Amino acid sequence: MDFFKKRIRKYQEIKLYEITSKIQFHQYTKKQLEQKIEEIIHDEKTMTIKEISYHSKMINIWKKNEEKLKKQMSEMED
């Protein structure tokens, strides 16, 4: 039984790392787009604003996934 718990734990740790990486990526991209929006003309702003909105949504989704996975991991330890 310990073997399976270790395997599951290892898998969860890998997934947690992937989630964290995705959050960082979307946060970085969002920040870059916000900086870019200050330098561009109106037509490009609307498109950039949509991209920022997308990355904000993705950040929220991945943060929720991260919370769920962390909860599962803590339940496995109990």
Protein backbone atom coordinates (compact mmCIF):
# COMPACT_ATOMS: atom_id res chain seq x y z
CA MET A 1 0.00 0.00 0.00
CA ASP A 2 2.86 2.34 0.76
CA PHE A 3 4.17 1.80 -2.75
CA PHE A 4 0.97 3.14 -4.29
CA LYS A 5 0.84 6.11 -1.96
CA LYS A 6 4.39 7.02 -2.92
CA ARG A 7 3.59 6.71 -6.61
CA ILE A 8 0.48 8.83 -6.26
CA ARG A 9 2.38 11.39 -4.22
CA LYS A 10 5.12 11.59 -6.84
CA TYR A 11 2.54 12.04 -9.59
CA GLN A 12 0.80 14.77 -7.59
CA GLU A 13 4.09 16.59 -7.04
CA ILE A 14 4.80 16.52 -10.77
CA LYS A 15 1.33 17.87 -11.53
CA LEU A 16 1.72 20.56 -8.89
CA TYR A 17 4.98 21.65 -10.51
CA GLU A 18 3.26 21.80 -13.92
CA ILE A 19 0.41 23.86 -12.50
CA THR A 20 2.81 26.26 -10.83
CA SER A 21 4.72 26.66 -14.09
CA LYS A 22 1.54 27.45 -15.98
CA ILE A 23 0.51 30.03 -13.39
CA GLN A 24 3.90 31.70 -13.68
CA PHE A 25 3.73 31.68 -17.48
CA HIS A 26 0.30 33.30 -17.57
CA GLN A 27 1.24 35.86 -14.93
CA TYR A 28 4.37 36.80 -16.87
CA THR A 29 2.51 37.03 -20.17
CA LYS A 30 -0.25 39.10 -18.61
CA LYS A 31 2.29 41.51 -17.15
CA GLN A 32 4.07 41.84 -20.50
CA LEU A 33 0.78 42.59 -22.23
CA GLU A 34 -0.15 45.18 -19.63
CA GLN A 35 3.15 46.93 -20.24
CA LYS A 36 2.64 46.71 -23.99
CA ILE A 37 -0.83 48.23 -23.80
CA GLU A 38 0.62 51.50 -22.58
CA GLU A 39 2.70 51.84 -25.75
CA ILE A 40 0.23 50.96 -28.50
CA ILE A 41 -2.57 52.61 -30.44
CA HIS A 42 -6.30 52.16 -29.77
CA ASP A 43 -7.02 49.36 -32.31
CA GLU A 44 -4.31 47.17 -30.91
CA LYS A 45 -5.41 47.92 -27.36
CA THR A 46 -8.69 46.05 -27.68
CA MET A 47 -6.94 42.94 -28.89
CA THR A 48 -4.33 43.19 -26.16
CA ILE A 49 -7.04 43.71 -23.54
CA LYS A 50 -8.70 40.50 -24.73
CA GLU A 51 -5.40 38.66 -24.40
CA ILE A 52 -4.94 40.02 -20.88
CA SER A 53 -8.43 38.85 -20.00
CA TYR A 54 -7.64 35.37 -21.32
CA HIS A 55 -4.47 35.13 -19.24
CA SER A 56 -6.32 36.35 -16.15
CA LYS A 57 -8.88 33.59 -16.62
CA MET A 58 -6.15 31.01 -17.10
CA ILE A 59 -4.38 32.18 -13.94
CA ASN A 60 -7.61 31.72 -11.98
CA ILE A 61 -8.25 28.29 -13.47
CA TRP A 62 -4.75 27.03 -12.70
CA LYS A 63 -4.82 28.47 -9.19
CA LYS A 64 -8.04 26.57 -8.52
CA ASN A 65 -6.45 23.41 -9.88
CA GLU A 66 -3.45 24.01 -7.65
CA GLU A 67 -5.68 24.38 -4.59
CA LYS A 68 -7.57 21.19 -5.42
CA LEU A 69 -4.38 19.24 -5.90
CA LYS A 70 -2.87 20.55 -2.68
CA LYS A 71 -6.06 19.56 -0.87
CA GLN A 72 -5.86 16.05 -2.33
CA MET A 73 -2.24 15.79 -1.34
CA SER A 74 -2.97 16.83 2.24
CA GLU A 75 -5.84 14.33 2.42
CA MET A 76 -3.52 11.57 1.24
CA GLU A 77 -1.15 12.31 4.11
CA ASP A 78 -3.91 11.95 6.70
